[in-house]
Amino acid sequence: MKIAKAARAVEETERTLWTGRRVLVAQAAVLAGLTLLLLVKEVPGMLREIKIYRMTGGRRALRRYP
């Protein structure tokens, strides 16, 4: 009887751990998806900023504009 109870407890624990792992994987997938979406959305703005930076001279501009 005690062995059956212990086996059942182990099964429940394993099932709980597996569910916890699934939840963590799902959260990681959602976070990665949102990060990718934000990056894709911001790429045009970043490219625009890089072009402006290049037009103003970049790091060399310190000599031109005191």
C-alpha atoms as a PDB file:
ATOM      1  CA  MET A   1       0.000   0.000   0.000  1.00  0.00           C
ATOM      2  CA  LYS A   2       2.753   2.435   0.933  1.00  0.00           C
ATOM      3  CA  ILE A   3       4.669   1.634  -2.243  1.00  0.00           C
ATOM      4  CA  ALA A   4       1.608   2.358  -4.395  1.00  0.00           C
ATOM      5  CA  LYS A   5       1.090   5.679  -2.589  1.00  0.00           C
ATOM      6  CA  ALA A   6       4.715   6.623  -3.122  1.00  0.00           C
ATOM      7  CA  ALA A   7       4.538   5.670  -6.803  1.00  0.00           C
ATOM      8  CA  ARG A   8       1.409   7.787  -7.232  1.00  0.00           C
ATOM      9  CA  ALA A   9       3.094  10.744  -5.518  1.00  0.00           C
ATOM     10  CA  VAL A  10       6.106  10.428  -7.829  1.00  0.00           C
ATOM     11  CA  GLU A  11       3.845  10.319 -10.890  1.00  0.00           C
ATOM     12  CA  GLU A  12       1.965  13.414  -9.756  1.00  0.00           C
ATOM     13  CA  THR A  13       5.229  15.237  -9.111  1.00  0.00           C
ATOM     14  CA  GLU A  14       6.580  14.305 -12.539  1.00  0.00           C
ATOM     15  CA  ARG A  15       3.358  15.442 -14.157  1.00  0.00           C
ATOM     16  CA  THR A  16       3.521  18.746 -12.289  1.00  0.00           C
ATOM     17  CA  LEU A  17       7.137  19.292 -13.334  1.00  0.00           C
ATOM     18  CA  TRP A  18       6.311  18.584 -16.942  1.00  0.00           C
ATOM     19  CA  THR A  19       3.441  21.083 -16.828  1.00  0.00           C
ATOM     20  CA  GLY A  20       5.771  23.636 -15.265  1.00  0.00           C
ATOM     21  CA  ARG A  21       8.298  23.074 -18.027  1.00  0.00           C
ATOM     22  CA  ARG A  22       5.611  23.516 -20.643  1.00  0.00           C
ATOM     23  CA  VAL A  23       4.551  26.791 -19.062  1.00  0.00           C
ATOM     24  CA  LEU A  24       8.149  28.054 -19.014  1.00  0.00           C
ATOM     25  CA  VAL A  25       8.683  27.068 -22.638  1.00  0.00           C
ATOM     26  CA  ALA A  26       5.446  28.792 -23.623  1.00  0.00           C
ATOM     27  CA  GLN A  27       6.460  31.950 -21.748  1.00  0.00           C
ATOM     28  CA  ALA A  28       9.878  31.921 -23.409  1.00  0.00           C
ATOM     29  CA  ALA A  29       8.251  31.508 -26.823  1.00  0.00           C
ATOM     30  CA  VAL A  30       5.883  34.425 -26.208  1.00  0.00           C
ATOM     31  CA  LEU A  31       8.720  36.632 -24.956  1.00  0.00           C
ATOM     32  CA  ALA A  32      10.900  35.757 -27.950  1.00  0.00           C
ATOM     33  CA  GLY A  33       8.015  36.466 -30.324  1.00  0.00           C
ATOM     34  CA  LEU A  34       7.311  39.859 -28.771  1.00  0.00           C
ATOM     35  CA  THR A  35      11.009  40.753 -28.867  1.00  0.00           C
ATOM     36  CA  LEU A  36      11.239  39.780 -32.523  1.00  0.00           C
ATOM     37  CA  LEU A  37       8.095  41.776 -33.322  1.00  0.00           C
ATOM     38  CA  LEU A  38       9.488  44.864 -31.594  1.00  0.00           C
ATOM     39  CA  LEU A  39      12.808  44.526 -33.389  1.00  0.00           C
ATOM     40  CA  VAL A  40      11.134  44.172 -36.796  1.00  0.00           C
ATOM     41  CA  LYS A  41       8.918  47.152 -36.063  1.00  0.00           C
ATOM     42  CA  GLU A  42      11.862  49.359 -35.062  1.00  0.00           C
ATOM     43  CA  VAL A  43      14.245  48.437 -37.923  1.00  0.00           C
ATOM     44  CA  PRO A  44      13.110  51.267 -40.276  1.00  0.00           C
ATOM     45  CA  GLY A  45      13.646  53.852 -37.533  1.00  0.00           C
ATOM     46  CA  MET A  46      17.081  52.476 -36.715  1.00  0.00           C
ATOM     47  CA  LEU A  47      18.089  52.579 -40.384  1.00  0.00           C
ATOM     48  CA  ARG A  48      16.890  56.180 -40.612  1.00  0.00           C
ATOM     49  CA  GLU A  49      18.946  57.125 -37.545  1.00  0.00           C
ATOM     50  CA  ILE A  50      22.036  55.452 -39.027  1.00  0.00           C
ATOM     51  CA  LYS A  51      21.612  57.419 -42.264  1.00  0.00           C
ATOM     52  CA  ILE A  52      21.301  60.694 -40.340  1.00  0.00           C
ATOM     53  CA  TYR A  53      24.367  59.794 -38.289  1.00  0.00           C
ATOM     54  CA  ARG A  54      26.348  59.125 -41.455  1.00  0.00           C
ATOM     55  CA  MET A  55      25.162  62.357 -43.131  1.00  0.00           C
ATOM     56  CA  THR A  56      26.269  64.457 -40.159  1.00  0.00           C
ATOM     57  CA  GLY A  57      29.753  62.976 -40.279  1.00  0.00           C
ATOM     58  CA  GLY A  58      29.531  60.289 -37.617  1.00  0.00           C
ATOM     59  CA  ARG A  59      32.433  60.246 -35.186  1.00  0.00           C
ATOM     60  CA  ARG A  60      34.471  62.597 -37.387  1.00  0.00           C
ATOM     61  CA  ALA A  61      31.950  65.411 -36.839  1.00  0.00           C
ATOM     62  CA  LEU A  62      33.658  66.501 -33.620  1.00  0.00           C
ATOM     63  CA  ARG A  63      36.412  68.177 -35.674  1.00  0.00           C
ATOM     64  CA  ARG A  64      33.923  70.053 -37.848  1.00  0.00           C
ATOM     65  CA  TYR A  65      31.361  71.159 -35.290  1.00  0.00           C
ATOM     66  CA  PRO A  66      32.993  72.371 -32.084  1.00  0.00           C
END
